[in-house]
C-alpha atoms as a PDB file:
ATOM      1  CA  MET A   1     -52.866 -50.407  13.848  1.00  0.00           C
ATOM      2  CA  ALA A   2     -50.259 -51.440  11.266  1.00  0.00           C
ATOM      3  CA  GLU A   3     -49.334 -55.101  11.201  1.00  0.00           C
ATOM      4  CA  LEU A   4     -45.702 -56.096  11.678  1.00  0.00           C
ATOM      5  CA  LYS A   5     -43.959 -57.182   8.485  1.00  0.00           C
ATOM      6  CA  THR A   6     -41.333 -59.173  10.351  1.00  0.00           C
ATOM      7  CA  LYS A   7     -42.968 -62.410  11.435  1.00  0.00           C
ATOM      8  CA  ARG A   8     -41.786 -65.927  12.092  1.00  0.00           C
ATOM      9  CA  ASN A   9     -42.138 -68.028   8.949  1.00  0.00           C
ATOM     10  CA  GLN A  10     -41.218 -71.374   7.423  1.00  0.00           C
ATOM     11  CA  LYS A  11     -38.488 -70.099   5.077  1.00  0.00           C
ATOM     12  CA  SER A  12     -35.223 -72.035   5.136  1.00  0.00           C
ATOM     13  CA  VAL A  13     -32.504 -70.713   7.453  1.00  0.00           C
ATOM     14  CA  LYS A  14     -29.942 -72.845   5.614  1.00  0.00           C
ATOM     15  CA  LYS A  15     -30.945 -71.454   2.226  1.00  0.00           C
ATOM     16  CA  PHE A  16     -30.830 -67.897   3.581  1.00  0.00           C
ATOM     17  CA  LEU A  17     -27.399 -68.268   5.214  1.00  0.00           C
ATOM     18  CA  ASP A  18     -25.966 -70.105   2.208  1.00  0.00           C
ATOM     19  CA  SER A  19     -27.080 -67.171   0.037  1.00  0.00           C
ATOM     20  CA  VAL A  20     -24.933 -64.622   1.914  1.00  0.00           C
ATOM     21  CA  GLU A  21     -22.484 -63.438  -0.752  1.00  0.00           C
ATOM     22  CA  ASN A  22     -19.584 -62.357   1.445  1.00  0.00           C
ATOM     23  CA  ARG A  23     -17.707 -65.533   2.474  1.00  0.00           C
ATOM     24  CA  ARG A  24     -16.503 -64.143   5.817  1.00  0.00           C
ATOM     25  CA  ARG A  25     -19.966 -62.826   6.708  1.00  0.00           C
ATOM     26  CA  ARG A  26     -21.495 -66.179   5.728  1.00  0.00           C
ATOM     27  CA  GLU A  27     -19.019 -68.100   7.924  1.00  0.00           C
ATOM     28  CA  ASP A  28     -19.606 -65.704  10.831  1.00  0.00           C
ATOM     29  CA  ALA A  29     -23.374 -66.096  10.404  1.00  0.00           C
ATOM     30  CA  TRP A  30     -23.132 -69.886  10.623  1.00  0.00           C
ATOM     31  CA  ALA A  31     -20.970 -69.540  13.762  1.00  0.00           C
ATOM     32  CA  VAL A  32     -23.479 -67.148  15.386  1.00  0.00           C
ATOM     33  CA  LYS A  33     -26.341 -69.493  14.492  1.00  0.00           C
ATOM     34  CA  ALA A  34     -24.601 -72.387  16.262  1.00  0.00           C
ATOM     35  CA  MET A  35     -23.793 -70.180  19.268  1.00  0.00           C
ATOM     36  CA  MET A  36     -27.342 -68.881  19.628  1.00  0.00           C
ATOM     37  CA  GLU A  37     -28.862 -72.349  19.245  1.00  0.00           C
ATOM     38  CA  GLU A  38     -26.573 -73.601  22.001  1.00  0.00           C
ATOM     39  CA  LEU A  39     -27.212 -70.651  24.344  1.00  0.00           C
ATOM     40  CA  THR A  40     -30.987 -70.526  23.862  1.00  0.00           C
ATOM     41  CA  GLY A  41     -31.744 -74.215  23.410  1.00  0.00           C
ATOM     42  CA  GLU A  42     -33.969 -73.088  20.518  1.00  0.00           C
ATOM     43  CA  LYS A  43     -33.920 -73.964  16.838  1.00  0.00           C
ATOM     44  CA  ALA A  44     -33.129 -71.144  14.397  1.00  0.00           C
ATOM     45  CA  GLU A  45     -36.149 -69.820  12.487  1.00  0.00           C
ATOM     46  CA  MET A  46     -36.566 -67.150   9.857  1.00  0.00           C
ATOM     47  CA  TRP A  47     -38.354 -63.944  10.882  1.00  0.00           C
ATOM     48  CA  GLY A  48     -39.212 -61.951   7.805  1.00  0.00           C
ATOM     49  CA  ASP A  49     -36.834 -62.256   4.878  1.00  0.00           C
ATOM     50  CA  SER A  50     -33.510 -61.542   6.565  1.00  0.00           C
ATOM     51  CA  ILE A  51     -33.521 -62.212  10.325  1.00  0.00           C
ATOM     52  CA  VAL A  52     -32.645 -65.505  11.967  1.00  0.00           C
ATOM     53  CA  GLY A  53     -34.414 -65.614  15.322  1.00  0.00           C
ATOM     54  CA  PHE A  54     -34.404 -67.918  18.330  1.00  0.00           C
ATOM     55  CA  GLY A  55     -37.312 -68.517  20.672  1.00  0.00           C
ATOM     56  CA  SER A  56     -40.080 -65.991  21.185  1.00  0.00           C
ATOM     57  CA  TYR A  57     -41.709 -63.844  23.822  1.00  0.00           C
ATOM     58  CA  HIS A  58     -44.915 -61.871  23.983  1.00  0.00           C
ATOM     59  CA  TYR A  59     -44.820 -58.095  24.442  1.00  0.00           C
ATOM     60  CA  LYS A  60     -47.523 -55.595  25.201  1.00  0.00           C
ATOM     61  CA  TYR A  61     -46.994 -51.837  25.208  1.00  0.00           C
ATOM     62  CA  ALA A  62     -48.976 -49.314  27.217  1.00  0.00           C
ATOM     63  CA  SER A  63     -50.451 -48.169  23.889  1.00  0.00           C
ATOM     64  CA  GLY A  64     -52.153 -51.543  23.588  1.00  0.00           C
ATOM     65  CA  ARG A  65     -49.937 -52.774  20.767  1.00  0.00           C
ATOM     66  CA  GLU A  66     -48.815 -56.337  21.391  1.00  0.00           C
ATOM     67  CA  GLY A  67     -47.250 -59.230  19.569  1.00  0.00           C
ATOM     68  CA  ASP A  68     -44.602 -61.910  19.554  1.00  0.00           C
ATOM     69  CA  TRP A  69     -40.933 -61.375  18.848  1.00  0.00           C
ATOM     70  CA  PHE A  70     -37.748 -63.437  18.926  1.00  0.00           C
ATOM     71  CA  VAL A  71     -35.726 -63.609  22.147  1.00  0.00           C
ATOM     72  CA  THR A  72     -32.464 -63.097  20.287  1.00  0.00           C
ATOM     73  CA  GLY A  73     -31.371 -63.254  16.682  1.00  0.00           C
ATOM     74  CA  PHE A  74     -29.105 -61.916  13.987  1.00  0.00           C
ATOM     75  CA  SER A  75     -28.910 -60.828  10.394  1.00  0.00           C
ATOM     76  CA  PRO A  76     -25.847 -60.967   8.140  1.00  0.00           C
ATOM     77  CA  ARG A  77     -26.304 -57.542   6.546  1.00  0.00           C
ATOM     78  CA  LYS A  78     -24.021 -56.182   3.831  1.00  0.00           C
ATOM     79  CA  VAL A  79     -22.396 -53.565   6.075  1.00  0.00           C
ATOM     80  CA  SER A  80     -22.137 -55.628   9.277  1.00  0.00           C
ATOM     81  CA  LEU A  81     -23.294 -58.663  11.155  1.00  0.00           C
ATOM     82  CA  THR A  82     -26.249 -57.417  13.207  1.00  0.00           C
ATOM     83  CA  LEU A  83     -27.079 -59.221  16.449  1.00  0.00           C
ATOM     84  CA  TYR A  84     -30.335 -58.464  18.215  1.00  0.00           C
ATOM     85  CA  VAL A  85     -29.993 -58.102  21.981  1.00  0.00           C
ATOM     86  CA  MET A  86     -33.629 -57.483  22.793  1.00  0.00           C
ATOM     87  CA  SER A  87     -33.065 -56.452  26.405  1.00  0.00           C
ATOM     88  CA  GLY A  88     -30.924 -53.523  25.223  1.00  0.00           C
ATOM     89  CA  PHE A  89     -27.448 -52.697  26.488  1.00  0.00           C
ATOM     90  CA  SER A  90     -27.858 -50.392  29.497  1.00  0.00           C
ATOM     91  CA  ARG A  91     -27.635 -53.243  32.023  1.00  0.00           C
ATOM     92  CA  TYR A  92     -24.517 -54.683  30.355  1.00  0.00           C
ATOM     93  CA  GLN A  93     -22.125 -51.717  30.402  1.00  0.00           C
ATOM     94  CA  GLU A  94     -19.312 -53.744  31.967  1.00  0.00           C
ATOM     95  CA  LEU A  95     -19.593 -56.467  29.329  1.00  0.00           C
ATOM     96  CA  MET A  96     -19.865 -53.946  26.498  1.00  0.00           C
ATOM     97  CA  ALA A  97     -16.633 -52.272  27.644  1.00  0.00           C
ATOM     98  CA  LYS A  98     -14.825 -55.625  27.294  1.00  0.00           C
ATOM     99  CA  LEU A  99     -16.507 -56.836  24.100  1.00  0.00           C
ATOM    100  CA  GLY A 100     -14.175 -55.409  21.484  1.00  0.00           C
ATOM    101  CA  LYS A 101     -14.837 -53.487  18.282  1.00  0.00           C
ATOM    102  CA  HIS A 102     -18.579 -52.909  17.817  1.00  0.00           C
ATOM    103  CA  LYS A 103     -21.338 -50.341  17.486  1.00  0.00           C
ATOM    104  CA  THR A 104     -24.821 -50.387  18.971  1.00  0.00           C
ATOM    105  CA  GLY A 105     -28.335 -49.172  18.262  1.00  0.00           C
ATOM    106  CA  SER A 106     -31.236 -49.523  20.695  1.00  0.00           C
ATOM    107  CA  SER A 107     -31.235 -53.337  20.572  1.00  0.00           C
ATOM    108  CA  CYS A 108     -28.776 -53.903  17.729  1.00  0.00           C
ATOM    109  CA  LEU A 109     -25.160 -54.911  18.092  1.00  0.00           C
ATOM    110  CA  TYR A 110     -23.189 -54.259  14.909  1.00  0.00           C
ATOM    111  CA  ILE A 111     -20.018 -56.289  14.360  1.00  0.00           C
ATOM    112  CA  ASN A 112     -17.870 -56.222  11.235  1.00  0.00           C
ATOM    113  CA  ARG A 113     -16.254 -59.611  11.916  1.00  0.00           C
ATOM    114  CA  LEU A 114     -16.648 -62.069  14.769  1.00  0.00           C
ATOM    115  CA  GLU A 115     -12.899 -62.022  15.270  1.00  0.00           C
ATOM    116  CA  ASP A 116     -13.210 -58.328  16.242  1.00  0.00           C
ATOM    117  CA  VAL A 117     -14.966 -59.247  19.510  1.00  0.00           C
ATOM    118  CA  ASP A 118     -14.212 -61.431  22.520  1.00  0.00           C
ATOM    119  CA  SER A 119     -16.309 -64.561  21.955  1.00  0.00           C
ATOM    120  CA  LYS A 120     -16.580 -65.329  25.690  1.00  0.00           C
ATOM    121  CA  ILE A 121     -17.966 -61.856  26.376  1.00  0.00           C
ATOM    122  CA  LEU A 122     -20.338 -62.100  23.406  1.00  0.00           C
ATOM    123  CA  ARG A 123     -21.634 -65.465  24.647  1.00  0.00           C
ATOM    124  CA  ARG A 124     -22.161 -64.043  28.132  1.00  0.00           C
ATOM    125  CA  LEU A 125     -23.990 -61.000  26.754  1.00  0.00           C
ATOM    126  CA  ILE A 126     -26.369 -63.170  24.722  1.00  0.00           C
ATOM    127  CA  LYS A 127     -26.911 -65.626  27.570  1.00  0.00           C
ATOM    128  CA  GLU A 128     -27.674 -62.875  30.109  1.00  0.00           C
ATOM    129  CA  SER A 129     -29.986 -61.021  27.710  1.00  0.00           C
ATOM    130  CA  VAL A 130     -31.947 -64.192  26.935  1.00  0.00           C
ATOM    131  CA  ALA A 131     -32.258 -65.018  30.649  1.00  0.00           C
ATOM    132  CA  HIS A 132     -33.455 -61.474  31.398  1.00  0.00           C
ATOM    133  CA  LEU A 133     -36.144 -61.615  28.690  1.00  0.00           C
ATOM    134  CA  ARG A 134     -37.321 -65.049  29.764  1.00  0.00           C
ATOM    135  CA  ARG A 135     -37.639 -63.884  33.396  1.00  0.00           C
ATOM    136  CA  SER A 136     -39.534 -60.786  32.260  1.00  0.00           C
ATOM    137  CA  ASP A 137     -41.856 -62.804  30.011  1.00  0.00           C
ATOM    138  CA  LYS A 138     -42.557 -65.297  32.797  1.00  0.00           C
ATOM    139  CA  ALA A 139     -43.262 -62.459  35.244  1.00  0.00           C
ATOM    140  CA  ALA A 140     -45.706 -60.988  32.743  1.00  0.00           C
ATOM    141  CA  GLY A 141     -47.505 -64.310  32.480  1.00  0.00           C
ATOM    142  CA  GLY A 142     -45.967 -65.428  29.186  1.00  0.00           C
END
């Protein structure tokens, strides 16, 4: 079974965020870092070369594949600020309708600028997703 490339490591979050070229994206990234630290009670850590993650949980698929992953996180990509909402979005349809300008993937929330979304709704989305994952991890014995 292939090993995951994206793992928690000791690289510097500060150095990574300070290296973001786009000033607005860099400022938004620092704001999201502060928000996620507050909402999770966890310190920011690098996962791989370009993801800032918070906390961790253990997963195990029916296939037998298992590992550890961050509870929530983000990456200041060139095209957008990508936030990782690991519980997905299906249970948050009401919040998503009120969030503002965004796009989604399976667990990715793509935002061009933080000012494009309602910060109270974003905070609630992150908080509820983190709580859901922590309940699920605890139920699974994690």
